[in-house]
């Protein structure tokens, strides 16, 4: 699998997971596992795209910032 193919797979997976959560969220059907998986998605994408990030939880939400 080429780097671009791997990135495409990760992007499509992230898109699918985000769509699934966006649909389930108003009904209150989002699991802790789904939330945890989504919390790592921006960092995974940033790593693959070459933009290192670091994150911390602020008021129960993951706050991401680019590393300097």
N, C-alpha and C. Protein backbone atom coordinates (compact mmCIF):
# COMPACT_ATOMS: atom_id res chain seq x y z
N UNK A 1 0.85 -1.18 0.00
CA UNK A 1 0.00 0.00 0.00
C UNK A 1 0.90 1.24 0.00
N UNK A 2 0.66 2.16 -0.92
CA UNK A 2 1.45 3.38 -0.98
C UNK A 2 1.03 4.32 0.14
N UNK A 3 1.86 5.32 0.41
CA UNK A 3 1.53 6.31 1.44
C UNK A 3 0.20 6.99 1.14
N UNK A 4 -0.02 7.34 -0.12
CA UNK A 4 -1.28 8.00 -0.49
C UNK A 4 -2.48 7.09 -0.31
N UNK A 5 -2.31 5.82 -0.61
CA UNK A 5 -3.41 4.87 -0.42
C UNK A 5 -3.73 4.73 1.06
N UNK A 6 -2.70 4.62 1.87
CA UNK A 6 -2.90 4.53 3.32
C UNK A 6 -3.58 5.76 3.87
N UNK A 7 -3.17 6.92 3.41
CA UNK A 7 -3.79 8.17 3.84
C UNK A 7 -5.25 8.22 3.41
N UNK A 8 -5.53 7.78 2.19
CA UNK A 8 -6.91 7.76 1.70
C UNK A 8 -7.78 6.86 2.56
N UNK A 9 -7.25 5.71 2.96
CA UNK A 9 -8.00 4.79 3.82
C UNK A 9 -8.28 5.44 5.17
N UNK A 10 -7.30 6.10 5.76
CA UNK A 10 -7.49 6.76 7.05
C UNK A 10 -8.49 7.90 6.92
N UNK A 11 -8.41 8.67 5.85
CA UNK A 11 -9.37 9.77 5.65
C UNK A 11 -10.79 9.25 5.50
N UNK A 12 -10.98 8.20 4.72
CA UNK A 12 -12.32 7.63 4.53
C UNK A 12 -12.85 7.04 5.85
N UNK A 13 -11.97 6.39 6.60
CA UNK A 13 -12.37 5.83 7.89
C UNK A 13 -12.80 6.94 8.84
N UNK A 14 -12.02 8.01 8.89
CA UNK A 14 -12.37 9.15 9.73
C UNK A 14 -13.70 9.76 9.30
N UNK A 15 -13.89 9.89 8.00
CA UNK A 15 -15.14 10.44 7.48
C UNK A 15 -16.32 9.57 7.91
N UNK A 16 -16.17 8.27 7.77
CA UNK A 16 -17.24 7.34 8.14
C UNK A 16 -17.55 7.44 9.63
N UNK A 17 -16.49 7.45 10.47
CA UNK A 17 -16.70 7.53 11.92
C UNK A 17 -17.35 8.85 12.32
N UNK A 18 -16.93 9.94 11.69
CA UNK A 18 -17.54 11.24 11.99
C UNK A 18 -19.00 11.27 11.57
N UNK A 19 -19.31 10.72 10.39
CA UNK A 19 -20.70 10.66 9.94
C UNK A 19 -21.55 9.83 10.90
N UNK A 20 -21.01 8.71 11.33
CA UNK A 20 -21.74 7.83 12.25
C UNK A 20 -22.05 8.54 13.57
N UNK A 21 -21.06 9.24 14.11
CA UNK A 21 -21.26 9.94 15.38
C UNK A 21 -22.19 11.14 15.20
N UNK A 22 -22.04 11.86 14.10
CA UNK A 22 -22.92 13.00 13.85
C UNK A 22 -24.38 12.56 13.77
N UNK A 23 -24.62 11.39 13.22
CA UNK A 23 -25.98 10.86 13.13
C UNK A 23 -26.50 10.41 14.49
N UNK A 24 -25.64 9.78 15.29
CA UNK A 24 -26.05 9.21 16.58
C UNK A 24 -26.10 10.24 17.71
N UNK A 25 -25.33 11.29 17.60
CA UNK A 25 -25.20 12.27 18.69
C UNK A 25 -26.52 12.89 19.13
N UNK A 26 -27.36 13.36 18.24
CA UNK A 26 -28.62 13.97 18.69
C UNK A 26 -29.53 13.00 19.46
N UNK A 27 -29.38 11.71 19.19
CA UNK A 27 -30.19 10.71 19.88
C UNK A 27 -29.54 10.25 21.18
N UNK A 28 -28.31 10.71 21.44
CA UNK A 28 -27.59 10.30 22.65
C UNK A 28 -27.05 8.89 22.57
N UNK A 29 -26.80 8.42 21.34
CA UNK A 29 -26.35 7.05 21.13
C UNK A 29 -24.86 6.92 20.88
N UNK A 30 -24.06 7.89 21.27
CA UNK A 30 -22.61 7.83 21.05
C UNK A 30 -21.96 7.17 22.26
N UNK A 31 -21.17 6.14 22.00
CA UNK A 31 -20.54 5.40 23.08
C UNK A 31 -19.22 6.07 23.50
N UNK A 32 -18.74 5.71 24.67
CA UNK A 32 -17.44 6.20 25.13
C UNK A 32 -16.33 5.73 24.20
N UNK A 33 -16.48 4.53 23.66
CA UNK A 33 -15.49 4.00 22.72
C UNK A 33 -15.43 4.86 21.45
N UNK A 34 -16.60 5.26 20.94
CA UNK A 34 -16.63 6.12 19.75
C UNK A 34 -15.98 7.46 20.05
N UNK A 35 -16.29 8.03 21.20
CA UNK A 35 -15.69 9.32 21.57
C UNK A 35 -14.17 9.20 21.69
N UNK A 36 -13.70 8.14 22.32
CA UNK A 36 -12.25 7.94 22.48
C UNK A 36 -11.57 7.77 21.13
N UNK A 37 -12.20 7.02 20.23
CA UNK A 37 -11.62 6.81 18.90
C UNK A 37 -11.55 8.12 18.13
N UNK A 38 -12.61 8.92 18.21
CA UNK A 38 -12.62 10.20 17.51
C UNK A 38 -11.62 11.19 18.10
N UNK A 39 -11.36 11.08 19.39
CA UNK A 39 -10.42 12.00 20.03
C UNK A 39 -9.00 11.84 19.47
N UNK A 40 -8.69 10.66 18.98
CA UNK A 40 -7.35 10.43 18.42
C UNK A 40 -7.26 10.73 16.93
N UNK A 41 -8.39 10.89 16.27
CA UNK A 41 -8.41 11.06 14.82
C UNK A 41 -7.64 12.29 14.33
N UNK A 42 -7.82 13.49 14.93
CA UNK A 42 -7.05 14.64 14.42
C UNK A 42 -5.54 14.46 14.52
N UNK A 43 -5.06 13.86 15.61
CA UNK A 43 -3.62 13.65 15.76
C UNK A 43 -3.11 12.63 14.74
N UNK A 44 -3.88 11.59 14.49
CA UNK A 44 -3.50 10.58 13.50
C UNK A 44 -3.41 11.21 12.12
N UNK A 45 -4.41 11.99 11.75
CA UNK A 45 -4.39 12.65 10.45
C UNK A 45 -3.23 13.64 10.35
N UNK A 46 -2.99 14.39 11.42
CA UNK A 46 -1.89 15.35 11.41
C UNK A 46 -0.54 14.65 11.23
N UNK A 47 -0.37 13.52 11.90
CA UNK A 47 0.88 12.77 11.75
C UNK A 47 1.06 12.31 10.30
N UNK A 48 0.00 11.80 9.71
CA UNK A 48 0.08 11.33 8.33
C UNK A 48 0.30 12.47 7.34
N UNK A 49 -0.23 13.63 7.67
CA UNK A 49 -0.08 14.79 6.78
C UNK A 49 1.20 15.58 7.07
N UNK A 50 1.93 15.17 8.11
CA UNK A 50 3.20 15.81 8.42
C UNK A 50 3.10 17.04 9.29
N UNK A 51 2.03 17.20 10.03
CA UNK A 51 1.86 18.33 10.93
C UNK A 51 1.73 17.82 12.36
N UNK A 52 2.84 17.78 13.09
CA UNK A 52 2.74 17.27 14.46
C UNK A 52 1.86 18.18 15.33
N UNK A 53 1.06 17.56 16.17
CA UNK A 53 0.20 18.31 17.08
C UNK A 53 0.34 17.74 18.48
N UNK A 54 -0.06 18.52 19.44
CA UNK A 54 -0.17 18.01 20.80
C UNK A 54 -1.52 18.46 21.32
N UNK A 55 -2.04 17.73 22.25
CA UNK A 55 -3.37 18.06 22.73
C UNK A 55 -3.45 17.96 24.24
N UNK A 56 -4.45 18.62 24.75
CA UNK A 56 -4.76 18.53 26.17
C UNK A 56 -6.26 18.71 26.33
N UNK A 57 -6.78 18.16 27.41
CA UNK A 57 -8.21 18.29 27.66
C UNK A 57 -8.48 19.57 28.43
N UNK A 58 -9.38 20.38 27.89
CA UNK A 58 -9.80 21.63 28.52
C UNK A 58 -11.32 21.59 28.62
N UNK A 59 -11.82 21.68 29.83
CA UNK A 59 -13.27 21.63 30.05
C UNK A 59 -13.91 20.41 29.40
N UNK A 60 -13.24 19.26 29.51
CA UNK A 60 -13.79 18.02 28.97
C UNK A 60 -13.68 17.85 27.48
N UNK A 61 -12.98 18.76 26.81
CA UNK A 61 -12.81 18.67 25.36
C UNK A 61 -11.33 18.63 25.02
N UNK A 62 -11.02 17.91 23.96
CA UNK A 62 -9.64 17.83 23.50
C UNK A 62 -9.29 19.09 22.74
N UNK A 63 -8.28 19.79 23.21
CA UNK A 63 -7.81 21.00 22.55
C UNK A 63 -6.47 20.68 21.89
N UNK A 64 -6.40 20.84 20.57
CA UNK A 64 -5.19 20.51 19.83
C UNK A 64 -4.45 21.78 19.43
N UNK A 65 -3.12 21.69 19.44
CA UNK A 65 -2.31 22.81 18.96
C UNK A 65 -1.12 22.24 18.24
N UNK A 66 -0.62 22.96 17.25
CA UNK A 66 0.55 22.51 16.52
C UNK A 66 1.76 22.64 17.42
N UNK A 67 2.69 21.64 17.29
CA UNK A 67 3.93 21.72 18.03
C UNK A 67 4.83 22.75 17.40
N UNK A 68 5.61 23.41 18.23
CA UNK A 68 6.52 24.42 17.71
C UNK A 68 7.93 23.91 17.73
